[in-house]
Amino acid sequence: MSLANLSAGRLAEDFPYRITEIQEDSPREALAQALSRDARIFLRQASELTSRVSDDLQRVYRNLELPLVLVLEIMRPRIDGKETI
């Protein structure tokens, strides 16, 4: 299920913005509005979905999976912004 489907089904809110909505306003203002709206949707989704996950699974995510993302990012080799093997 996509974020757009979750937003429509659980929050009764459309996501993401359509390109035409952004083009109607000035680019800077439209981008600020789109990012602000997206942030509100993400926060509402997080609250909704977190309440559906057991405490044990939340603990696994916080203590194992989330810290592992940082470790994997550090381990990814890069030279001059390009990945190497």
C-alpha atoms as a PDB file:
ATOM      1  CA  MET A   1       0.000   0.000   0.000  1.00  0.00           C
ATOM      2  CA  SER A   2       1.370   3.420  -0.931  1.00  0.00           C
ATOM      3  CA  LEU A   3       1.485   6.575   1.169  1.00  0.00           C
ATOM      4  CA  ALA A   4      -1.112   8.090  -1.158  1.00  0.00           C
ATOM      5  CA  ASN A   5      -3.486   5.161  -0.502  1.00  0.00           C
ATOM      6  CA  LEU A   6      -2.918   5.326   3.257  1.00  0.00           C
ATOM      7  CA  SER A   7      -3.567   9.059   3.280  1.00  0.00           C
ATOM      8  CA  ALA A   8      -6.744   8.732   1.264  1.00  0.00           C
ATOM      9  CA  GLY A   9      -8.057   5.756   3.198  1.00  0.00           C
ATOM     10  CA  ARG A  10      -7.062   6.576   6.753  1.00  0.00           C
ATOM     11  CA  LEU A  11      -6.876  10.372   6.799  1.00  0.00           C
ATOM     12  CA  ALA A  12      -9.345  11.269   4.013  1.00  0.00           C
ATOM     13  CA  GLU A  13      -6.661  13.527   2.528  1.00  0.00           C
ATOM     14  CA  ASP A  14      -5.128  13.551  -0.945  1.00  0.00           C
ATOM     15  CA  PHE A  15      -1.386  12.984  -1.231  1.00  0.00           C
ATOM     16  CA  PRO A  16       0.808  13.935  -3.032  1.00  0.00           C
ATOM     17  CA  TYR A  17       0.322  17.315  -4.627  1.00  0.00           C
ATOM     18  CA  ARG A  18      -0.404  17.368  -8.303  1.00  0.00           C
ATOM     19  CA  ILE A  19       2.100  19.256 -10.455  1.00  0.00           C
ATOM     20  CA  THR A  20      -0.615  21.643 -11.666  1.00  0.00           C
ATOM     21  CA  GLU A  21      -1.354  22.718  -8.080  1.00  0.00           C
ATOM     22  CA  ILE A  22       2.281  23.687  -7.562  1.00  0.00           C
ATOM     23  CA  GLN A  23       2.547  25.522 -10.893  1.00  0.00           C
ATOM     24  CA  GLU A  24      -0.396  27.795 -10.109  1.00  0.00           C
ATOM     25  CA  ASP A  25       1.494  29.599  -7.316  1.00  0.00           C
ATOM     26  CA  SER A  26       4.949  31.119  -7.279  1.00  0.00           C
ATOM     27  CA  PRO A  27       7.506  28.268  -7.168  1.00  0.00           C
ATOM     28  CA  ARG A  28       8.935  29.163  -3.737  1.00  0.00           C
ATOM     29  CA  GLU A  29       5.538  29.631  -2.105  1.00  0.00           C
ATOM     30  CA  ALA A  30       4.099  26.511  -3.732  1.00  0.00           C
ATOM     31  CA  LEU A  31       7.057  24.417  -2.649  1.00  0.00           C
ATOM     32  CA  ALA A  32       6.815  25.717   0.923  1.00  0.00           C
ATOM     33  CA  GLN A  33       3.101  24.928   1.034  1.00  0.00           C
ATOM     34  CA  ALA A  34       3.621  21.457  -0.446  1.00  0.00           C
ATOM     35  CA  LEU A  35       6.389  20.587   2.008  1.00  0.00           C
ATOM     36  CA  SER A  36       4.385  21.930   4.935  1.00  0.00           C
ATOM     37  CA  ARG A  37       1.352  19.899   3.933  1.00  0.00           C
ATOM     38  CA  ASP A  38       3.476  16.794   3.378  1.00  0.00           C
ATOM     39  CA  ALA A  39       5.028  17.177   6.840  1.00  0.00           C
ATOM     40  CA  ARG A  40       1.570  17.378   8.434  1.00  0.00           C
ATOM     41  CA  ILE A  41       0.465  14.254   6.542  1.00  0.00           C
ATOM     42  CA  PHE A  42       3.612  12.350   7.594  1.00  0.00           C
ATOM     43  CA  LEU A  43       3.067  13.323  11.230  1.00  0.00           C
ATOM     44  CA  ARG A  44      -0.574  12.230  11.136  1.00  0.00           C
ATOM     45  CA  GLN A  45       0.374   8.970   9.390  1.00  0.00           C
ATOM     46  CA  ALA A  46       3.070   8.276  11.988  1.00  0.00           C
ATOM     47  CA  SER A  47       0.590   8.758  14.823  1.00  0.00           C
ATOM     48  CA  GLU A  48      -2.025   6.591  13.132  1.00  0.00           C
ATOM     49  CA  LEU A  49       0.322   3.750  12.213  1.00  0.00           C
ATOM     50  CA  THR A  50       2.324   3.778  15.455  1.00  0.00           C
ATOM     51  CA  SER A  51      -0.833   3.183  17.435  1.00  0.00           C
ATOM     52  CA  ARG A  52      -1.417   0.004  15.400  1.00  0.00           C
ATOM     53  CA  VAL A  53       2.014  -1.543  16.061  1.00  0.00           C
ATOM     54  CA  SER A  54       2.644  -3.569  19.201  1.00  0.00           C
ATOM     55  CA  ASP A  55       5.028  -2.256  21.843  1.00  0.00           C
ATOM     56  CA  ASP A  56       7.408  -5.145  21.147  1.00  0.00           C
ATOM     57  CA  LEU A  57       7.658  -4.305  17.435  1.00  0.00           C
ATOM     58  CA  GLN A  58       8.119  -0.615  18.199  1.00  0.00           C
ATOM     59  CA  ARG A  59      10.998  -1.540  20.517  1.00  0.00           C
ATOM     60  CA  VAL A  60      12.629  -3.688  17.785  1.00  0.00           C
ATOM     61  CA  TYR A  61      12.324  -0.823  15.328  1.00  0.00           C
ATOM     62  CA  ARG A  62      13.728   1.802  17.723  1.00  0.00           C
ATOM     63  CA  ASN A  63      16.536  -0.308  19.178  1.00  0.00           C
ATOM     64  CA  LEU A  64      17.600  -2.448  16.220  1.00  0.00           C
ATOM     65  CA  GLU A  65      16.350  -1.384  12.815  1.00  0.00           C
ATOM     66  CA  LEU A  66      16.625   2.403  13.090  1.00  0.00           C
ATOM     67  CA  PRO A  67      20.222   2.435  14.435  1.00  0.00           C
ATOM     68  CA  LEU A  68      21.189  -0.096  11.769  1.00  0.00           C
ATOM     69  CA  VAL A  69      20.267   2.381   9.021  1.00  0.00           C
ATOM     70  CA  LEU A  70      22.985   4.737  10.268  1.00  0.00           C
ATOM     71  CA  VAL A  71      25.559   1.944  10.413  1.00  0.00           C
ATOM     72  CA  LEU A  72      24.760   0.832   6.870  1.00  0.00           C
ATOM     73  CA  GLU A  73      25.056   4.405   5.606  1.00  0.00           C
ATOM     74  CA  ILE A  74      28.497   4.750   7.207  1.00  0.00           C
ATOM     75  CA  MET A  75      29.599   1.438   5.703  1.00  0.00           C
ATOM     76  CA  ARG A  76      28.629   2.450   2.168  1.00  0.00           C
ATOM     77  CA  PRO A  77      31.895   3.320   0.448  1.00  0.00           C
ATOM     78  CA  ARG A  78      32.038   6.611  -1.445  1.00  0.00           C
ATOM     79  CA  ILE A  79      34.730   8.514  -3.238  1.00  0.00           C
ATOM     80  CA  ASP A  80      33.957  11.960  -4.618  1.00  0.00           C
ATOM     81  CA  GLY A  81      30.239  11.325  -4.237  1.00  0.00           C
ATOM     82  CA  LYS A  82      30.360   8.111  -6.288  1.00  0.00           C
ATOM     83  CA  GLU A  83      29.758   4.670  -4.867  1.00  0.00           C
ATOM     84  CA  THR A  84      32.550   2.166  -5.285  1.00  0.00           C
ATOM     85  CA  ILE A  85      32.778  -1.555  -4.826  1.00  0.00           C
END
